[in-house]
Amino acid sequence: MEEIILNLIMHSGEARSYAMEAMELAKSGDIEGARGLIEKSNEELGLAHHSQTSLIQGEAGGQKAEFSLLLIHAQDHLMTTMTLKDLASQIIDIHARL
């Protein structure tokens, strides 16, 4: 289970980095580059979500997940990254209009 949790954190972190970098590119005028990084962020979020789904499916199948600070951190990391990526997409759209 720890490996799954660490994958969740790792992929969420990569997605967050791509989203932050995308906003920087948008600020400098590289809208297409920014949108490309948002796609990479989406891919990483997909991998993170896959890890999350495996935990959920395991529990649904009777394998009780042990709640730990690491698991809570992983879930928090995923959810804040999803919000950040959505916000980054909106910011890129605003920069595209300027």
N, C-alpha and C. Protein backbone atom coordinates (compact mmCIF):
# COMPACT_ATOMS: atom_id res chain seq x y z
N MET A 1 0.82 -1.19 0.00
CA MET A 1 0.00 0.00 0.00
C MET A 1 0.87 1.26 0.00
N GLU A 2 2.00 1.22 0.69
CA GLU A 2 2.87 2.39 0.72
C GLU A 2 3.36 2.77 -0.66
N GLU A 3 3.63 1.77 -1.49
CA GLU A 3 4.09 2.06 -2.85
C GLU A 3 3.00 2.80 -3.64
N ILE A 4 1.77 2.37 -3.48
CA ILE A 4 0.66 3.03 -4.17
C ILE A 4 0.52 4.47 -3.68
N ILE A 5 0.63 4.67 -2.37
CA ILE A 5 0.52 6.01 -1.81
C ILE A 5 1.65 6.90 -2.32
N LEU A 6 2.86 6.37 -2.36
CA LEU A 6 3.98 7.16 -2.85
C LEU A 6 3.84 7.49 -4.33
N ASN A 7 3.28 6.57 -5.11
CA ASN A 7 2.99 6.87 -6.52
C ASN A 7 1.97 7.99 -6.64
N LEU A 8 0.99 7.97 -5.78
CA LEU A 8 -0.03 9.02 -5.76
C LEU A 8 0.62 10.37 -5.49
N ILE A 9 1.49 10.42 -4.50
CA ILE A 9 2.19 11.67 -4.17
C ILE A 9 3.11 12.10 -5.30
N MET A 10 3.86 11.16 -5.85
CA MET A 10 4.81 11.48 -6.91
C MET A 10 4.12 12.05 -8.14
N HIS A 11 3.08 11.37 -8.61
CA HIS A 11 2.40 11.84 -9.82
C HIS A 11 1.65 13.14 -9.57
N SER A 12 1.11 13.31 -8.39
CA SER A 12 0.46 14.58 -8.06
C SER A 12 1.48 15.71 -8.04
N GLY A 13 2.65 15.44 -7.51
CA GLY A 13 3.72 16.44 -7.48
C GLY A 13 4.18 16.83 -8.87
N GLU A 14 4.31 15.84 -9.74
CA GLU A 14 4.69 16.13 -11.13
C GLU A 14 3.62 16.97 -11.81
N ALA A 15 2.37 16.62 -11.59
CA ALA A 15 1.26 17.37 -12.18
C ALA A 15 1.27 18.81 -11.69
N ARG A 16 1.53 19.00 -10.41
CA ARG A 16 1.58 20.34 -9.83
C ARG A 16 2.71 21.15 -10.47
N SER A 17 3.87 20.53 -10.62
CA SER A 17 5.01 21.22 -11.23
C SER A 17 4.71 21.65 -12.66
N TYR A 18 4.09 20.77 -13.42
CA TYR A 18 3.72 21.12 -14.79
C TYR A 18 2.73 22.29 -14.82
N ALA A 19 1.76 22.28 -13.93
CA ALA A 19 0.76 23.36 -13.89
C ALA A 19 1.41 24.69 -13.52
N MET A 20 2.30 24.67 -12.55
CA MET A 20 2.99 25.90 -12.16
C MET A 20 3.85 26.43 -13.29
N GLU A 21 4.57 25.54 -13.95
CA GLU A 21 5.41 25.93 -15.08
C GLU A 21 4.55 26.46 -16.23
N ALA A 22 3.39 25.86 -16.43
CA ALA A 22 2.49 26.32 -17.49
C ALA A 22 2.06 27.76 -17.26
N MET A 23 1.76 28.11 -16.02
CA MET A 23 1.38 29.49 -15.73
C MET A 23 2.53 30.45 -16.01
N GLU A 24 3.75 30.04 -15.70
CA GLU A 24 4.92 30.88 -15.99
C GLU A 24 5.08 31.08 -17.50
N LEU A 25 4.89 30.02 -18.28
CA LEU A 25 4.98 30.15 -19.73
C LEU A 25 3.90 31.09 -20.26
N ALA A 26 2.69 30.98 -19.71
CA ALA A 26 1.60 31.85 -20.14
C ALA A 26 1.92 33.31 -19.84
N LYS A 27 2.51 33.56 -18.69
CA LYS A 27 2.89 34.93 -18.32
C LYS A 27 3.91 35.50 -19.30
N SER A 28 4.77 34.65 -19.83
CA SER A 28 5.79 35.11 -20.78
C SER A 28 5.27 35.12 -22.22
N GLY A 29 4.01 34.72 -22.42
CA GLY A 29 3.41 34.78 -23.75
C GLY A 29 3.40 33.48 -24.53
N ASP A 30 3.96 32.43 -23.98
CA ASP A 30 4.00 31.13 -24.69
C ASP A 30 2.75 30.32 -24.33
N ILE A 31 1.65 30.69 -24.98
CA ILE A 31 0.36 30.06 -24.67
C ILE A 31 0.33 28.60 -25.11
N GLU A 32 0.86 28.31 -26.28
CA GLU A 32 0.85 26.93 -26.76
C GLU A 32 1.72 26.04 -25.88
N GLY A 33 2.87 26.55 -25.47
CA GLY A 33 3.72 25.79 -24.56
C GLY A 33 3.03 25.54 -23.22
N ALA A 34 2.32 26.57 -22.75
CA ALA A 34 1.58 26.44 -21.49
C ALA A 34 0.50 25.38 -21.61
N ARG A 35 -0.21 25.39 -22.71
CA ARG A 35 -1.27 24.40 -22.89
C ARG A 35 -0.69 22.99 -23.00
N GLY A 36 0.48 22.88 -23.60
CA GLY A 36 1.16 21.58 -23.68
C GLY A 36 1.52 21.05 -22.30
N LEU A 37 1.95 21.95 -21.42
CA LEU A 37 2.28 21.54 -20.05
C LEU A 37 1.03 21.18 -19.26
N ILE A 38 -0.07 21.83 -19.55
CA ILE A 38 -1.33 21.46 -18.89
C ILE A 38 -1.72 20.03 -19.31
N GLU A 39 -1.47 19.68 -20.56
CA GLU A 39 -1.74 18.31 -21.00
C GLU A 39 -0.85 17.31 -20.25
N LYS A 40 0.41 17.67 -20.05
CA LYS A 40 1.30 16.80 -19.28
C LYS A 40 0.81 16.69 -17.84
N SER A 41 0.32 17.80 -17.30
CA SER A 41 -0.24 17.79 -15.95
C SER A 41 -1.44 16.84 -15.89
N ASN A 42 -2.29 16.91 -16.91
CA ASN A 42 -3.45 16.01 -16.98
C ASN A 42 -3.02 14.55 -17.01
N GLU A 43 -1.97 14.25 -17.77
CA GLU A 43 -1.47 12.87 -17.85
C GLU A 43 -1.00 12.39 -16.48
N GLU A 44 -0.24 13.23 -15.79
CA GLU A 44 0.24 12.86 -14.45
C GLU A 44 -0.92 12.70 -13.48
N LEU A 45 -1.92 13.57 -13.58
CA LEU A 45 -3.09 13.43 -12.72
C LEU A 45 -3.83 12.14 -13.01
N GLY A 46 -3.84 11.73 -14.27
CA GLY A 46 -4.46 10.45 -14.63
C GLY A 46 -3.75 9.28 -13.95
N LEU A 47 -2.42 9.33 -13.92
CA LEU A 47 -1.66 8.28 -13.25
C LEU A 47 -1.91 8.31 -11.74
N ALA A 48 -1.98 9.51 -11.17
CA ALA A 48 -2.26 9.64 -9.74
C ALA A 48 -3.66 9.10 -9.43
N HIS A 49 -4.60 9.44 -10.29
CA HIS A 49 -5.97 8.98 -10.09
C HIS A 49 -6.05 7.46 -10.17
N HIS A 50 -5.25 6.88 -11.05
CA HIS A 50 -5.21 5.43 -11.17
C HIS A 50 -4.75 4.80 -9.85
N SER A 51 -3.75 5.40 -9.22
CA SER A 51 -3.29 4.91 -7.92
C SER A 51 -4.39 5.03 -6.88
N GLN A 52 -5.07 6.17 -6.88
CA GLN A 52 -6.17 6.38 -5.94
C GLN A 52 -7.27 5.35 -6.17
N THR A 53 -7.59 5.09 -7.42
CA THR A 53 -8.65 4.13 -7.75
C THR A 53 -8.28 2.73 -7.28
N SER A 54 -7.01 2.38 -7.38
CA SER A 54 -6.61 1.03 -6.92
C SER A 54 -6.81 0.90 -5.42
N LEU A 55 -6.58 1.97 -4.67
CA LEU A 55 -6.84 1.93 -3.23
C LEU A 55 -8.34 1.78 -2.95
N ILE A 56 -9.14 2.52 -3.68
CA ILE A 56 -10.59 2.47 -3.50
C ILE A 56 -11.13 1.10 -3.87
N GLN A 57 -10.67 0.55 -4.99
CA GLN A 57 -11.14 -0.77 -5.42
C GLN A 57 -10.72 -1.85 -4.42
N GLY A 58 -9.51 -1.71 -3.87
CA GLY A 58 -9.06 -2.67 -2.87
C GLY A 58 -9.96 -2.66 -1.65
N GLU A 59 -10.31 -1.47 -1.20
CA GLU A 59 -11.18 -1.39 -0.02
C GLU A 59 -12.58 -1.90 -0.35
N ALA A 60 -13.07 -1.59 -1.54
CA ALA A 60 -14.38 -2.09 -1.94
C ALA A 60 -14.38 -3.62 -2.02
N GLY A 61 -13.21 -4.20 -2.30
CA GLY A 61 -13.08 -5.66 -2.37
C GLY A 61 -12.78 -6.31 -1.04
N GLY A 62 -12.79 -5.52 0.03
CA GLY A 62 -12.60 -6.10 1.35
C GLY A 62 -11.24 -5.86 1.97
N GLN A 63 -10.33 -5.24 1.24
CA GLN A 63 -9.01 -4.94 1.79
C GLN A 63 -9.07 -3.56 2.44
N LYS A 64 -9.27 -3.54 3.72
CA LYS A 64 -9.39 -2.28 4.44
C LYS A 64 -8.09 -1.50 4.35
N ALA A 65 -8.19 -0.24 3.92
CA ALA A 65 -7.02 0.62 3.86
C ALA A 65 -6.74 1.17 5.25
N GLU A 66 -5.48 1.08 5.63
CA GLU A 66 -5.09 1.62 6.92
C GLU A 66 -4.89 3.12 6.77
N PHE A 67 -5.61 3.89 7.55
CA PHE A 67 -5.50 5.34 7.44
C PHE A 67 -4.24 5.80 8.16
N SER A 68 -3.41 6.47 7.41
CA SER A 68 -2.16 6.96 7.96
C SER A 68 -1.99 8.42 7.55
N LEU A 69 -1.07 9.09 8.19
CA LEU A 69 -0.78 10.47 7.84
C LEU A 69 -0.30 10.54 6.39
N LEU A 70 0.44 9.55 5.95
CA LEU A 70 0.92 9.52 4.57
C LEU A 70 -0.24 9.42 3.58
N LEU A 71 -1.22 8.61 3.87
CA LEU A 71 -2.39 8.49 2.99
C LEU A 71 -3.18 9.79 2.96
N ILE A 72 -3.36 10.41 4.10
CA ILE A 72 -4.07 11.69 4.15
C ILE A 72 -3.31 12.74 3.35
N HIS A 73 -2.00 12.77 3.51
CA HIS A 73 -1.17 13.70 2.76
C HIS A 73 -1.30 13.47 1.26
N ALA A 74 -1.30 12.22 0.85
CA ALA A 74 -1.42 11.90 -0.58
C ALA A 74 -2.75 12.38 -1.14
N GLN A 75 -3.82 12.15 -0.41
CA GLN A 75 -5.14 12.60 -0.86
C GLN A 75 -5.21 14.12 -0.93
N ASP A 76 -4.65 14.77 0.08
CA ASP A 76 -4.63 16.23 0.09
C ASP A 76 -3.83 16.77 -1.08
N HIS A 77 -2.69 16.15 -1.34
CA HIS A 77 -1.83 16.56 -2.44
C HIS A 77 -2.57 16.42 -3.79
N LEU A 78 -3.26 15.32 -3.97
CA LEU A 78 -4.00 15.10 -5.21
C LEU A 78 -5.10 16.14 -5.39
N MET A 79 -5.88 16.36 -4.37
CA MET A 79 -7.02 17.28 -4.50
C MET A 79 -6.56 18.72 -4.72
N THR A 80 -5.53 19.16 -4.02
CA THR A 80 -5.06 20.53 -4.23
C THR A 80 -4.43 20.69 -5.61
N THR A 81 -3.78 19.66 -6.09
CA THR A 81 -3.18 19.71 -7.43
C THR A 81 -4.27 19.77 -8.50
N MET A 82 -5.34 19.03 -8.32
CA MET A 82 -6.44 19.08 -9.29
C MET A 82 -7.02 20.50 -9.36
N THR A 83 -7.18 21.12 -8.20
CA THR A 83 -7.70 22.48 -8.16
C THR A 83 -6.72 23.45 -8.81
N LEU A 84 -5.43 23.30 -8.50
CA LEU A 84 -4.42 24.16 -9.08
C LEU A 84 -4.38 24.04 -10.60
N LYS A 85 -4.48 22.82 -11.09
CA LYS A 85 -4.44 22.61 -12.55
C LYS A 85 -5.63 23.28 -13.23
N ASP A 86 -6.80 23.18 -12.62
CA ASP A 86 -7.99 23.84 -13.18
C ASP A 86 -7.81 25.36 -13.17
N LEU A 87 -7.28 25.89 -12.10
CA LEU A 87 -7.04 27.32 -12.01
C LEU A 87 -5.99 27.76 -13.03
N ALA A 88 -4.94 26.97 -13.19
CA ALA A 88 -3.90 27.27 -14.17
C ALA A 88 -4.48 27.33 -15.57
N SER A 89 -5.39 26.42 -15.90
CA SER A 89 -6.03 26.44 -17.22
C SER A 89 -6.79 27.75 -17.43
N GLN A 90 -7.48 28.21 -16.41
CA GLN A 90 -8.22 29.48 -16.50
C GLN A 90 -7.26 30.66 -16.67
N ILE A 91 -6.17 30.64 -15.94
CA ILE A 91 -5.19 31.73 -16.03
C ILE A 91 -4.56 31.76 -17.41
N ILE A 92 -4.27 30.58 -17.96
CA ILE A 92 -3.73 30.52 -19.32
C ILE A 92 -4.71 31.11 -20.32
N ASP A 93 -5.99 30.79 -20.18
CA ASP A 93 -7.01 31.35 -21.07
C ASP A 93 -7.06 32.87 -20.96
N ILE A 94 -6.92 33.40 -19.76
CA ILE A 94 -6.91 34.85 -19.58
C ILE A 94 -5.71 35.47 -20.27
N HIS A 95 -4.53 34.87 -20.10
CA HIS A 95 -3.35 35.38 -20.77
C HIS A 95 -3.47 35.30 -22.29
N ALA A 96 -4.16 34.28 -22.77
CA ALA A 96 -4.35 34.13 -24.22
C ALA A 96 -5.19 35.29 -24.77
N ARG A 97 -6.12 35.77 -23.98
CA ARG A 97 -6.99 36.88 -24.43
C ARG A 97 -6.29 38.23 -24.39
N LEU A 98 -5.26 38.33 -23.54
CA LEU A 98 -4.55 39.61 -23.42
C LEU A 98 -3.69 39.82 -24.59
